[in-house]
Amino acid sequence: MKEFFSDIRNDKITQRSFFGSIFIIFLSVIYILFYYSNLPPFIPLYNQLPWGEQRLASTSGILIPSLLGFVIFVFNLILSSIIYKRVPLISRMLSITTLLIAILTFLFIIRTVQIVL
């Protein structure tokens, strides 16, 4: 398994991007757990839906963006390690995209918690 990710570890761009992504996802989970007891029973999570009860999710729904970010992280990490030998540029683009998704997820969580508190 170590050989599978060896190319990713040797490239500074992919290594730092993926490490930053997992750090930000971990930070967002810590942020959620810190404020979880203060959150109301329902929070506005689905902002693209019409106004009303359709936008609301239960308090545990605040973990959905972090979980989705982690799934994207794992998928892009595996895909990057498979593709790296053939096209290193695509692996780097996937790692940077993963970092941007993690940052935007963290900002979404912060903003959602700030709105309801």
PDB file of N, CA and C in Angstrom:
ATOM      1  N   MET A   1       0.819  -1.196   0.000  1.00  0.00           N
ATOM      2  CA  MET A   1       0.000   0.000   0.000  1.00  0.00           C
ATOM      3  C   MET A   1       0.859   1.255   0.000  1.00  0.00           C
ATOM      4  N   LYS A   2       2.034   1.189   0.639  1.00  0.00           N
ATOM      5  CA  LYS A   2       2.913   2.353   0.662  1.00  0.00           C
ATOM      6  C   LYS A   2       3.401   2.703  -0.739  1.00  0.00           C
ATOM      7  N   GLU A   3       3.630   1.681  -1.569  1.00  0.00           N
ATOM      8  CA  GLU A   3       4.068   1.930  -2.940  1.00  0.00           C
ATOM      9  C   GLU A   3       2.975   2.604  -3.760  1.00  0.00           C
ATOM     10  N   PHE A   4       1.731   2.348  -3.398  1.00  0.00           N
ATOM     11  CA  PHE A   4       0.600   2.921  -4.133  1.00  0.00           C
ATOM     12  C   PHE A   4       0.570   4.445  -4.005  1.00  0.00           C
ATOM     13  N   PHE A   5       0.928   4.964  -2.840  1.00  0.00           N
ATOM     14  CA  PHE A   5       0.912   6.403  -2.602  1.00  0.00           C
ATOM     15  C   PHE A   5       2.302   7.030  -2.629  1.00  0.00           C
ATOM     16  N   SER A   6       3.311   6.309  -3.052  1.00  0.00           N
ATOM     17  CA  SER A   6       4.678   6.837  -3.008  1.00  0.00           C
ATOM     18  C   SER A   6       4.869   8.033  -3.936  1.00  0.00           C
ATOM     19  N   ASP A   7       4.254   8.005  -5.102  1.00  0.00           N
ATOM     20  CA  ASP A   7       4.387   9.146  -6.023  1.00  0.00           C
ATOM     21  C   ASP A   7       3.735  10.396  -5.456  1.00  0.00           C
ATOM     22  N   ILE A   8       2.614  10.220  -4.793  1.00  0.00           N
ATOM     23  CA  ILE A   8       1.914  11.350  -4.190  1.00  0.00           C
ATOM     24  C   ILE A   8       2.760  11.954  -3.068  1.00  0.00           C
ATOM     25  N   ARG A   9       3.397  11.114  -2.276  1.00  0.00           N
ATOM     26  CA  ARG A   9       4.235  11.610  -1.185  1.00  0.00           C
ATOM     27  C   ARG A   9       5.494  12.306  -1.686  1.00  0.00           C
ATOM     28  N   ASN A  10       6.020  11.903  -2.837  1.00  0.00           N
ATOM     29  CA  ASN A  10       7.251  12.494  -3.356  1.00  0.00           C
ATOM     30  C   ASN A  10       7.026  13.833  -4.045  1.00  0.00           C
ATOM     31  N   ASP A  11       5.826  14.094  -4.520  1.00  0.00           N
ATOM     32  CA  ASP A  11       5.517  15.360  -5.180  1.00  0.00           C
ATOM     33  C   ASP A  11       5.056  16.370  -4.126  1.00  0.00           C
ATOM     34  N   LYS A  12       5.735  17.498  -4.034  1.00  0.00           N
ATOM     35  CA  LYS A  12       5.431  18.480  -2.983  1.00  0.00           C
ATOM     36  C   LYS A  12       4.044  19.093  -3.143  1.00  0.00           C
ATOM     37  N   ILE A  13       3.644  19.348  -4.368  1.00  0.00           N
ATOM     38  CA  ILE A  13       2.343  19.990  -4.593  1.00  0.00           C
ATOM     39  C   ILE A  13       1.207  19.083  -4.153  1.00  0.00           C
ATOM     40  N   THR A  14       1.234  17.849  -4.594  1.00  0.00           N
ATOM     41  CA  THR A  14       0.149  16.938  -4.225  1.00  0.00           C
ATOM     42  C   THR A  14       0.194  16.608  -2.739  1.00  0.00           C
ATOM     43  N   GLN A  15       1.381  16.423  -2.205  1.00  0.00           N
ATOM     44  CA  GLN A  15       1.501  16.091  -0.785  1.00  0.00           C
ATOM     45  C   GLN A  15       0.948  17.209   0.092  1.00  0.00           C
ATOM     46  N   ARG A  16       1.336  18.438  -0.192  1.00  0.00           N
ATOM     47  CA  ARG A  16       0.871  19.564   0.624  1.00  0.00           C
ATOM     48  C   ARG A  16      -0.613  19.824   0.431  1.00  0.00           C
ATOM     49  N   SER A  17      -1.090  19.666  -0.790  1.00  0.00           N
ATOM     50  CA  SER A  17      -2.516  19.900  -1.042  1.00  0.00           C
ATOM     51  C   SER A  17      -3.389  18.871  -0.326  1.00  0.00           C
ATOM     52  N   PHE A  18      -3.004  17.617  -0.427  1.00  0.00           N
ATOM     53  CA  PHE A  18      -3.796  16.590   0.240  1.00  0.00           C
ATOM     54  C   PHE A  18      -3.673  16.696   1.758  1.00  0.00           C
ATOM     55  N   PHE A  19      -2.493  17.010   2.259  1.00  0.00           N
ATOM     56  CA  PHE A  19      -2.337  17.182   3.706  1.00  0.00           C
ATOM     57  C   PHE A  19      -3.159  18.380   4.195  1.00  0.00           C
ATOM     58  N   GLY A  20      -3.119  19.474   3.443  1.00  0.00           N
ATOM     59  CA  GLY A  20      -3.931  20.638   3.798  1.00  0.00           C
ATOM     60  C   GLY A  20      -5.414  20.328   3.760  1.00  0.00           C
ATOM     61  N   SER A  21      -5.833  19.536   2.793  1.00  0.00           N
ATOM     62  CA  SER A  21      -7.247  19.169   2.673  1.00  0.00           C
ATOM     63  C   SER A  21      -7.717  18.364   3.872  1.00  0.00           C
ATOM     64  N   ILE A  22      -6.961  17.359   4.245  1.00  0.00           N
ATOM     65  CA  ILE A  22      -7.391  16.530   5.376  1.00  0.00           C
ATOM     66  C   ILE A  22      -7.329  17.327   6.669  1.00  0.00           C
ATOM     67  N   PHE A  23      -6.378  18.251   6.778  1.00  0.00           N
ATOM     68  CA  PHE A  23      -6.299  19.103   7.958  1.00  0.00           C
ATOM     69  C   PHE A  23      -7.516  20.018   8.061  1.00  0.00           C
ATOM     70  N   ILE A  24      -7.930  20.604   6.962  1.00  0.00           N
ATOM     71  CA  ILE A  24      -9.089  21.502   6.966  1.00  0.00           C
ATOM     72  C   ILE A  24     -10.378  20.726   7.225  1.00  0.00           C
ATOM     73  N   ILE A  25     -10.502  19.541   6.669  1.00  0.00           N
ATOM     74  CA  ILE A  25     -11.682  18.717   6.936  1.00  0.00           C
ATOM     75  C   ILE A  25     -11.734  18.339   8.416  1.00  0.00           C
ATOM     76  N   PHE A  26     -10.584  17.972   8.966  1.00  0.00           N
ATOM     77  CA  PHE A  26     -10.511  17.654  10.393  1.00  0.00           C
ATOM     78  C   PHE A  26     -10.849  18.888  11.233  1.00  0.00           C
ATOM     79  N   LEU A  27     -10.370  20.042  10.824  1.00  0.00           N
ATOM     80  CA  LEU A  27     -10.653  21.287  11.530  1.00  0.00           C
ATOM     81  C   LEU A  27     -12.145  21.617  11.492  1.00  0.00           C
ATOM     82  N   SER A  28     -12.791  21.353  10.366  1.00  0.00           N
ATOM     83  CA  SER A  28     -14.228  21.621  10.269  1.00  0.00           C
ATOM     84  C   SER A  28     -15.034  20.692  11.185  1.00  0.00           C
ATOM     85  N   VAL A  29     -14.610  19.450  11.315  1.00  0.00           N
ATOM     86  CA  VAL A  29     -15.300  18.524  12.214  1.00  0.00           C
ATOM     87  C   VAL A  29     -15.114  18.980  13.663  1.00  0.00           C
ATOM     88  N   ILE A  30     -13.921  19.438  14.006  1.00  0.00           N
ATOM     89  CA  ILE A  30     -13.663  19.956  15.357  1.00  0.00           C
ATOM     90  C   ILE A  30     -14.551  21.174  15.621  1.00  0.00           C
ATOM     91  N   TYR A  31     -14.667  22.060  14.631  1.00  0.00           N
ATOM     92  CA  TYR A  31     -15.505  23.258  14.757  1.00  0.00           C
ATOM     93  C   TYR A  31     -16.964  22.867  14.988  1.00  0.00           C
ATOM     94  N   ILE A  32     -17.436  21.878  14.234  1.00  0.00           N
ATOM     95  CA  ILE A  32     -18.818  21.423  14.393  1.00  0.00           C
ATOM     96  C   ILE A  32     -19.030  20.843  15.792  1.00  0.00           C
ATOM     97  N   LEU A  33     -18.116  20.009  16.228  1.00  0.00           N
ATOM     98  CA  LEU A  33     -18.264  19.385  17.541  1.00  0.00           C
ATOM     99  C   LEU A  33     -18.207  20.411  18.672  1.00  0.00           C
ATOM    100  N   PHE A  34     -17.454  21.478  18.470  1.00  0.00           N
ATOM    101  CA  PHE A  34     -17.357  22.522  19.481  1.00  0.00           C
ATOM    102  C   PHE A  34     -18.685  23.254  19.661  1.00  0.00           C
ATOM    103  N   TYR A  35     -19.386  23.531  18.565  1.00  0.00           N
ATOM    104  CA  TYR A  35     -20.640  24.281  18.618  1.00  0.00           C
ATOM    105  C   TYR A  35     -21.886  23.402  18.546  1.00  0.00           C
ATOM    106  N   TYR A  36     -21.742  22.104  18.473  1.00  0.00           N
ATOM    107  CA  TYR A  36     -22.889  21.220  18.258  1.00  0.00           C
ATOM    108  C   TYR A  36     -23.946  21.342  19.352  1.00  0.00           C
ATOM    109  N   SER A  37     -23.530  21.470  20.581  1.00  0.00           N
ATOM    110  CA  SER A  37     -24.508  21.536  21.680  1.00  0.00           C
ATOM    111  C   SER A  37     -25.298  22.842  21.677  1.00  0.00           C
ATOM    112  N   ASN A  38     -24.780  23.885  21.040  1.00  0.00           N
ATOM    113  CA  ASN A  38     -25.474  25.172  20.994  1.00  0.00           C
ATOM    114  C   ASN A  38     -26.392  25.321  19.785  1.00  0.00           C
ATOM    115  N   LEU A  39     -26.346  24.391  18.860  1.00  0.00           N
ATOM    116  CA  LEU A  39     -27.153  24.499  17.644  1.00  0.00           C
ATOM    117  C   LEU A  39     -28.612  24.177  17.923  1.00  0.00           C
ATOM    118  N   PRO A  40     -29.531  24.833  17.199  1.00  0.00           N
ATOM    119  CA  PRO A  40     -30.964  24.524  17.362  1.00  0.00           C
ATOM    120  C   PRO A  40     -31.287  23.160  16.734  1.00  0.00           C
ATOM    121  N   PRO A  41     -32.508  22.647  16.958  1.00  0.00           N
ATOM    122  CA  PRO A  41     -32.860  21.322  16.430  1.00  0.00           C
ATOM    123  C   PRO A  41     -32.839  21.236  14.904  1.00  0.00           C
ATOM    124  N   PHE A  42     -33.124  22.350  14.233  1.00  0.00           N
ATOM    125  CA  PHE A  42     -33.107  22.371  12.774  1.00  0.00           C
ATOM    126  C   PHE A  42     -32.243  23.533  12.306  1.00  0.00           C
ATOM    127  N   ILE A  43     -31.460  23.295  11.247  1.00  0.00           N
ATOM    128  CA  ILE A  43     -30.573  24.327  10.705  1.00  0.00           C
ATOM    129  C   ILE A  43     -30.811  24.453   9.205  1.00  0.00           C
ATOM    130  N   PRO A  44     -30.629  25.646   8.642  1.00  0.00           N
ATOM    131  CA  PRO A  44     -30.800  25.815   7.193  1.00  0.00           C
ATOM    132  C   PRO A  44     -29.582  25.280   6.450  1.00  0.00           C
ATOM    133  N   LEU A  45     -29.717  24.103   5.867  1.00  0.00           N
ATOM    134  CA  LEU A  45     -28.587  23.460   5.206  1.00  0.00           C
ATOM    135  C   LEU A  45     -28.731  23.429   3.698  1.00  0.00           C
ATOM    136  N   TYR A  46     -29.935  23.269   3.215  1.00  0.00           N
ATOM    137  CA  TYR A  46     -30.182  23.146   1.782  1.00  0.00           C
ATOM    138  C   TYR A  46     -30.624  24.502   1.230  1.00  0.00           C
ATOM    139  N   ASN A  47     -29.674  25.359   0.972  1.00  0.00           N
ATOM    140  CA  ASN A  47     -29.978  26.745   0.613  1.00  0.00           C
ATOM    141  C   ASN A  47     -30.496  26.926  -0.804  1.00  0.00           C
ATOM    142  N   GLN A  48     -30.413  25.934  -1.641  1.00  0.00           N
ATOM    143  CA  GLN A  48     -30.906  26.057  -3.009  1.00  0.00           C
ATOM    144  C   GLN A  48     -32.397  25.740  -3.133  1.00  0.00           C
ATOM    145  N   LEU A  49     -32.988  25.192  -2.096  1.00  0.00           N
ATOM    146  CA  LEU A  49     -34.409  24.858  -2.113  1.00  0.00           C
ATOM    147  C   LEU A  49     -35.248  26.091  -1.786  1.00  0.00           C
ATOM    148  N   PRO A  50     -36.542  26.057  -2.118  1.00  0.00           N
ATOM    149  CA  PRO A  50     -37.412  27.196  -1.797  1.00  0.00           C
ATOM    150  C   PRO A  50     -37.465  27.471  -0.295  1.00  0.00           C
ATOM    151  N   TRP A  51     -37.854  28.673   0.043  1.00  0.00           N
ATOM    152  CA  TRP A  51     -37.900  29.110   1.430  1.00  0.00           C
ATOM    153  C   TRP A  51     -38.891  28.280   2.212  1.00  0.00           C
ATOM    154  N   GLY A  52     -38.558  27.924   3.420  1.00  0.00           N
ATOM    155  CA  GLY A  52     -39.471  27.197   4.294  1.00  0.00           C
ATOM    156  C   GLY A  52     -38.817  25.976   4.889  1.00  0.00           C
ATOM    157  N   GLU A  53     -39.661  25.024   5.246  1.00  0.00           N
ATOM    158  CA  GLU A  53     -39.184  23.829   5.918  1.00  0.00           C
ATOM    159  C   GLU A  53     -38.309  22.947   5.035  1.00  0.00           C
ATOM    160  N   GLN A  54     -38.403  23.106   3.735  1.00  0.00           N
ATOM    161  CA  GLN A  54     -37.601  22.289   2.828  1.00  0.00           C
ATOM    162  C   GLN A  54     -36.112  22.574   2.955  1.00  0.00           C
ATOM    163  N   ARG A  55     -35.759  23.766   3.381  1.00  0.00           N
ATOM    164  CA  ARG A  55     -34.357  24.147   3.546  1.00  0.00           C
ATOM    165  C   ARG A  55     -33.724  23.572   4.807  1.00  0.00           C
ATOM    166  N   LEU A  56     -34.529  23.137   5.727  1.00  0.00           N
ATOM    167  CA  LEU A  56     -34.031  22.743   7.037  1.00  0.00           C
ATOM    168  C   LEU A  56     -33.592  21.287   7.088  1.00  0.00           C
ATOM    169  N   ALA A  57     -32.597  21.048   7.903  1.00  0.00           N
ATOM    170  CA  ALA A  57     -32.121  19.695   8.196  1.00  0.00           C
ATOM    171  C   ALA A  57     -31.966  19.580   9.704  1.00  0.00           C
ATOM    172  N   SER A  58     -31.942  18.377  10.193  1.00  0.00           N
ATOM    173  CA  SER A  58     -31.727  18.210  11.630  1.00  0.00           C
ATOM    174  C   SER A  58     -30.304  18.645  11.978  1.00  0.00           C
ATOM    175  N   THR A  59     -30.039  18.797  13.235  1.00  0.00           N
ATOM    176  CA  THR A  59     -28.737  19.290  13.684  1.00  0.00           C
ATOM    177  C   THR A  59     -27.604  18.377  13.233  1.00  0.00           C
ATOM    178  N   SER A  60     -27.843  17.093  13.194  1.00  0.00           N
ATOM    179  CA  SER A  60     -26.794  16.170  12.757  1.00  0.00           C
ATOM    180  C   SER A  60     -26.485  16.324  11.271  1.00  0.00           C
ATOM    181  N   GLY A  61     -27.336  16.996  10.522  1.00  0.00           N
ATOM    182  CA  GLY A  61     -27.100  17.238   9.109  1.00  0.00           C
ATOM    183  C   GLY A  61     -25.924  18.161   8.839  1.00  0.00           C
ATOM    184  N   ILE A  62     -25.459  18.875   9.858  1.00  0.00           N
ATOM    185  CA  ILE A  62     -24.316  19.767   9.677  1.00  0.00           C
ATOM    186  C   ILE A  62     -23.041  18.964   9.382  1.00  0.00           C
ATOM    187  N   LEU A  63     -23.057  17.683   9.673  1.00  0.00           N
ATOM    188  CA  LEU A  63     -21.901  16.834   9.374  1.00  0.00           C
ATOM    189  C   LEU A  63     -21.849  16.387   7.909  1.00  0.00           C
ATOM    190  N   ILE A  64     -22.929  16.559   7.172  1.00  0.00           N
ATOM    191  CA  ILE A  64     -22.992  16.126   5.776  1.00  0.00           C
ATOM    192  C   ILE A  64     -21.914  16.786   4.915  1.00  0.00           C
ATOM    193  N   PRO A  65     -21.712  18.109   4.967  1.00  0.00           N
ATOM    194  CA  PRO A  65     -20.657  18.697   4.124  1.00  0.00           C
ATOM    195  C   PRO A  65     -19.259  18.167   4.435  1.00  0.00           C
ATOM    196  N   SER A  66     -18.952  17.951   5.701  1.00  0.00           N
ATOM    197  CA  SER A  66     -17.633  17.409   6.061  1.00  0.00           C
ATOM    198  C   SER A  66     -17.483  15.977   5.568  1.00  0.00           C
ATOM    199  N   LEU A  67     -18.535  15.202   5.708  1.00  0.00           N
ATOM    200  CA  LEU A  67     -18.503  13.827   5.228  1.00  0.00           C
ATOM    201  C   LEU A  67     -18.339  13.795   3.709  1.00  0.00           C
ATOM    202  N   LEU A  68     -19.052  14.649   3.022  1.00  0.00           N
ATOM    203  CA  LEU A  68     -18.939  14.723   1.563  1.00  0.00           C
ATOM    204  C   LEU A  68     -17.536  15.173   1.145  1.00  0.00           C
ATOM    205  N   GLY A  69     -16.978  16.135   1.864  1.00  0.00           N
ATOM    206  CA  GLY A  69     -15.609  16.576   1.586  1.00  0.00           C
ATOM    207  C   GLY A  69     -14.600  15.460   1.803  1.00  0.00           C
ATOM    208  N   PHE A  70     -14.810  14.645   2.837  1.00  0.00           N
ATOM    209  CA  PHE A  70     -13.911  13.517   3.090  1.00  0.00           C
ATOM    210  C   PHE A  70     -14.022  12.461   1.994  1.00  0.00           C
ATOM    211  N   VAL A  71     -15.230  12.191   1.520  1.00  0.00           N
ATOM    212  CA  VAL A  71     -15.422  11.219   0.437  1.00  0.00           C
ATOM    213  C   VAL A  71     -14.731  11.709  -0.831  1.00  0.00           C
ATOM    214  N   ILE A  72     -14.860  12.991  -1.139  1.00  0.00           N
ATOM    215  CA  ILE A  72     -14.178  13.560  -2.306  1.00  0.00           C
ATOM    216  C   ILE A  72     -12.671  13.476  -2.133  1.00  0.00           C
ATOM    217  N   PHE A  73     -12.186  13.729  -0.914  1.00  0.00           N
ATOM    218  CA  PHE A  73     -10.763  13.622  -0.624  1.00  0.00           C
ATOM    219  C   PHE A  73     -10.248  12.211  -0.904  1.00  0.00           C
ATOM    220  N   VAL A  74     -10.926  11.204  -0.390  1.00  0.00           N
ATOM    221  CA  VAL A  74     -10.486   9.819  -0.578  1.00  0.00           C
ATOM    222  C   VAL A  74     -10.529   9.436  -2.056  1.00  0.00           C
ATOM    223  N   PHE A  75     -11.614   9.802  -2.743  1.00  0.00           N
ATOM    224  CA  PHE A  75     -11.750   9.474  -4.161  1.00  0.00           C
ATOM    225  C   PHE A  75     -10.636  10.132  -4.975  1.00  0.00           C
ATOM    226  N   ASN A  76     -10.376  11.421  -4.751  1.00  0.00           N
ATOM    227  CA  ASN A  76      -9.339  12.117  -5.509  1.00  0.00           C
ATOM    228  C   ASN A  76      -7.943  11.624  -5.156  1.00  0.00           C
ATOM    229  N   LEU A  77      -7.717  11.240  -3.919  1.00  0.00           N
ATOM    230  CA  LEU A  77      -6.421  10.691  -3.528  1.00  0.00           C
ATOM    231  C   LEU A  77      -6.141   9.378  -4.252  1.00  0.00           C
ATOM    232  N   ILE A  78      -7.113   8.506  -4.289  1.00  0.00           N
ATOM    233  CA  ILE A  78      -6.938   7.225  -4.989  1.00  0.00           C
ATOM    234  C   ILE A  78      -6.778   7.452  -6.485  1.00  0.00           C
ATOM    235  N   LEU A  79      -7.613   8.312  -7.053  1.00  0.00           N
ATOM    236  CA  LEU A  79      -7.527   8.596  -8.483  1.00  0.00           C
ATOM    237  C   LEU A  79      -6.195   9.255  -8.842  1.00  0.00           C
ATOM    238  N   SER A  80      -5.715  10.146  -7.997  1.00  0.00           N
ATOM    239  CA  SER A  80      -4.430  10.802  -8.252  1.00  0.00           C
ATOM    240  C   SER A  80      -3.275   9.823  -8.215  1.00  0.00           C
ATOM    241  N   SER A  81      -3.326   8.906  -7.281  1.00  0.00           N
ATOM    242  CA  SER A  81      -2.228   7.943  -7.197  1.00  0.00           C
ATOM    243  C   SER A  81      -2.244   6.964  -8.366  1.00  0.00           C
ATOM    244  N   ILE A  82      -3.400   6.696  -8.928  1.00  0.00           N
ATOM    245  CA  ILE A  82      -3.478   5.827 -10.106  1.00  0.00           C
ATOM    246  C   ILE A  82      -2.984   6.568 -11.345  1.00  0.00           C
ATOM    247  N   ILE A  83      -3.365   7.813 -11.507  1.00  0.00           N
ATOM    248  CA  ILE A  83      -3.067   8.583 -12.717  1.00  0.00           C
ATOM    249  C   ILE A  83      -1.666   9.186 -12.720  1.00  0.00           C
ATOM    250  N   TYR A  84      -1.038   9.332 -11.559  1.00  0.00           N
ATOM    251  CA  TYR A  84       0.200  10.110 -11.449  1.00  0.00           C
ATOM    252  C   TYR A  84       1.301   9.645 -12.389  1.00  0.00           C
ATOM    253  N   LYS A  85       1.479   8.367 -12.580  1.00  0.00           N
ATOM    254  CA  LYS A  85       2.546   7.853 -13.459  1.00  0.00           C
ATOM    255  C   LYS A  85       2.371   8.332 -14.899  1.00  0.00           C
ATOM    256  N   ARG A  86       1.136   8.395 -15.355  1.00  0.00           N
ATOM    257  CA  ARG A  86       0.876   8.776 -16.739  1.00  0.00           C
ATOM    258  C   ARG A  86       0.826  10.288 -16.933  1.00  0.00           C
ATOM    259  N   VAL A  87       0.056  10.985 -16.072  1.00  0.00           N
ATOM    260  CA  VAL A  87      -0.131  12.427 -16.237  1.00  0.00           C
ATOM    261  C   VAL A  87      -0.053  13.094 -14.862  1.00  0.00           C
ATOM    262  N   PRO A  88       1.143  13.560 -14.467  1.00  0.00           N
ATOM    263  CA  PRO A  88       1.273  14.186 -13.149  1.00  0.00           C
ATOM    264  C   PRO A  88       0.473  15.482 -13.008  1.00  0.00           C
ATOM    265  N   LEU A  89       0.261  16.187 -14.107  1.00  0.00           N
ATOM    266  CA  LEU A  89      -0.469  17.447 -14.046  1.00  0.00           C
ATOM    267  C   LEU A  89      -1.902  17.238 -13.566  1.00  0.00           C
ATOM    268  N   ILE A  90      -2.547  16.200 -14.041  1.00  0.00           N
ATOM    269  CA  ILE A  90      -3.926  15.930 -13.624  1.00  0.00           C
ATOM    270  C   ILE A  90      -3.974  15.578 -12.137  1.00  0.00           C
ATOM    271  N   SER A  91      -2.981  14.847 -11.660  1.00  0.00           N
ATOM    272  CA  SER A  91      -2.927  14.536 -10.232  1.00  0.00           C
ATOM    273  C   SER A  91      -2.782  15.798  -9.408  1.00  0.00           C
ATOM    274  N   ARG A  92      -1.969  16.714  -9.867  1.00  0.00           N
ATOM    275  CA  ARG A  92      -1.802  17.980  -9.154  1.00  0.00           C
ATOM    276  C   ARG A  92      -3.080  18.798  -9.185  1.00  0.00           C
ATOM    277  N   MET A  93      -3.759  18.802 -10.325  1.00  0.00           N
ATOM    278  CA  MET A  93      -5.022  19.537 -10.420  1.00  0.00           C
ATOM    279  C   MET A  93      -6.073  18.929  -9.489  1.00  0.00           C
ATOM    280  N   LEU A  94      -6.122  17.607  -9.397  1.00  0.00           N
ATOM    281  CA  LEU A  94      -7.066  16.956  -8.482  1.00  0.00           C
ATOM    282  C   LEU A  94      -6.754  17.290  -7.033  1.00  0.00           C
ATOM    283  N   SER A  95      -5.478  17.349  -6.693  1.00  0.00           N
ATOM    284  CA  SER A  95      -5.119  17.662  -5.305  1.00  0.00           C
ATOM    285  C   SER A  95      -5.473  19.102  -4.953  1.00  0.00           C
ATOM    286  N   ILE A  96      -5.245  20.015  -5.866  1.00  0.00           N
ATOM    287  CA  ILE A  96      -5.589  21.420  -5.611  1.00  0.00           C
ATOM    288  C   ILE A  96      -7.109  21.598  -5.569  1.00  0.00           C
ATOM    289  N   THR A  97      -7.815  20.879  -6.428  1.00  0.00           N
ATOM    290  CA  THR A  97      -9.273  20.919  -6.402  1.00  0.00           C
ATOM    291  C   THR A  97      -9.807  20.392  -5.071  1.00  0.00           C
ATOM    292  N   THR A  98      -9.195  19.345  -4.562  1.00  0.00           N
ATOM    293  CA  THR A  98      -9.588  18.806  -3.270  1.00  0.00           C
ATOM    294  C   THR A  98      -9.360  19.831  -2.166  1.00  0.00           C
ATOM    295  N   LEU A  99      -8.255  20.539  -2.236  1.00  0.00           N
ATOM    296  CA  LEU A  99      -7.974  21.589  -1.250  1.00  0.00           C
ATOM    297  C   LEU A  99      -9.014  22.703  -1.319  1.00  0.00           C
ATOM    298  N   LEU A 100      -9.379  23.111  -2.520  1.00  0.00           N
ATOM    299  CA  LEU A 100     -10.399  24.160  -2.668  1.00  0.00           C
ATOM    300  C   LEU A 100     -11.758  23.700  -2.153  1.00  0.00           C
ATOM    301  N   ILE A 101     -12.115  22.452  -2.414  1.00  0.00           N
ATOM    302  CA  ILE A 101     -13.383  21.918  -1.906  1.00  0.00           C
ATOM    303  C   ILE A 101     -13.379  21.895  -0.389  1.00  0.00           C
ATOM    304  N   ALA A 102     -12.264  21.517   0.202  1.00  0.00           N
ATOM    305  CA  ALA A 102     -12.168  21.491   1.669  1.00  0.00           C
ATOM    306  C   ALA A 102     -12.296  22.895   2.241  1.00  0.00           C
ATOM    307  N   ILE A 103     -11.653  23.878   1.616  1.00  0.00           N
ATOM    308  CA  ILE A 103     -11.738  25.264   2.093  1.00  0.00           C
ATOM    309  C   ILE A 103     -13.168  25.779   1.990  1.00  0.00           C
ATOM    310  N   LEU A 104     -13.808  25.547   0.861  1.00  0.00           N
ATOM    311  CA  LEU A 104     -15.182  26.029   0.673  1.00  0.00           C
ATOM    312  C   LEU A 104     -16.160  25.321   1.614  1.00  0.00           C
ATOM    313  N   THR A 105     -15.926  24.056   1.877  1.00  0.00           N
ATOM    314  CA  THR A 105     -16.760  23.334   2.834  1.00  0.00           C
ATOM    315  C   THR A 105     -16.605  23.919   4.232  1.00  0.00           C
ATOM    316  N   PHE A 106     -15.377  24.218   4.604  1.00  0.00           N
ATOM    317  CA  PHE A 106     -15.121  24.813   5.917  1.00  0.00           C
ATOM    318  C   PHE A 106     -15.797  26.178   6.033  1.00  0.00           C
ATOM    319  N   LEU A 107     -15.713  26.990   4.989  1.00  0.00           N
ATOM    320  CA  LEU A 107     -16.370  28.304   5.005  1.00  0.00           C
ATOM    321  C   LEU A 107     -17.890  28.165   5.074  1.00  0.00           C
ATOM    322  N   PHE A 108     -18.447  27.177   4.370  1.00  0.00           N
ATOM    323  CA  PHE A 108     -19.880  26.927   4.417  1.00  0.00           C
ATOM    324  C   PHE A 108     -20.322  26.545   5.830  1.00  0.00           C
ATOM    325  N   ILE A 109     -19.554  25.702   6.484  1.00  0.00           N
ATOM    326  CA  ILE A 109     -19.895  25.277   7.838  1.00  0.00           C
ATOM    327  C   ILE A 109     -19.805  26.444   8.812  1.00  0.00           C
ATOM    328  N   ILE A 110     -18.753  27.234   8.696  1.00  0.00           N
ATOM    329  CA  ILE A 110     -18.624  28.401   9.578  1.00  0.00           C
ATOM    330  C   ILE A 110     -19.787  29.344   9.384  1.00  0.00           C
ATOM    331  N   ARG A 111     -20.139  29.629   8.155  1.00  0.00           N
ATOM    332  CA  ARG A 111     -21.227  30.562   7.860  1.00  0.00           C
ATOM    333  C   ARG A 111     -22.574  30.026   8.355  1.00  0.00           C
ATOM    334  N   THR A 112     -22.820  28.750   8.157  1.00  0.00           N
ATOM    335  CA  THR A 112     -24.079  28.152   8.604  1.00  0.00           C
ATOM    336  C   THR A 112     -24.198  28.201  10.119  1.00  0.00           C
ATOM    337  N   VAL A 113     -23.126  27.894  10.819  1.00  0.00           N
ATOM    338  CA  VAL A 113     -23.155  27.938  12.287  1.00  0.00           C
ATOM    339  C   VAL A 113     -23.336  29.376  12.771  1.00  0.00           C
ATOM    340  N   GLN A 114     -22.689  30.333  12.107  1.00  0.00           N
ATOM    341  CA  GLN A 114     -22.836  31.732  12.502  1.00  0.00           C
ATOM    342  C   GLN A 114     -24.257  32.236  12.300  1.00  0.00           C
ATOM    343  N   ILE A 115     -24.921  31.770  11.266  1.00  0.00           N
ATOM    344  CA  ILE A 115     -26.291  32.211  10.992  1.00  0.00           C
ATOM    345  C   ILE A 115     -27.243  31.749  12.090  1.00  0.00           C
ATOM    346  N   VAL A 116     -27.098  30.515  12.527  1.00  0.00           N
ATOM    347  CA  VAL A 116     -28.071  29.966  13.485  1.00  0.00           C
ATOM    348  C   VAL A 116     -27.745  30.314  14.931  1.00  0.00           C
ATOM    349  N   LEU A 117     -26.561  30.761  15.216  1.00  0.00           N
ATOM    350  CA  LEU A 117     -26.246  31.113  16.609  1.00  0.00           C
ATOM    351  C   LEU A 117     -26.499  32.563  16.908  1.00  0.00           C
TER     352      LEU A 117
END
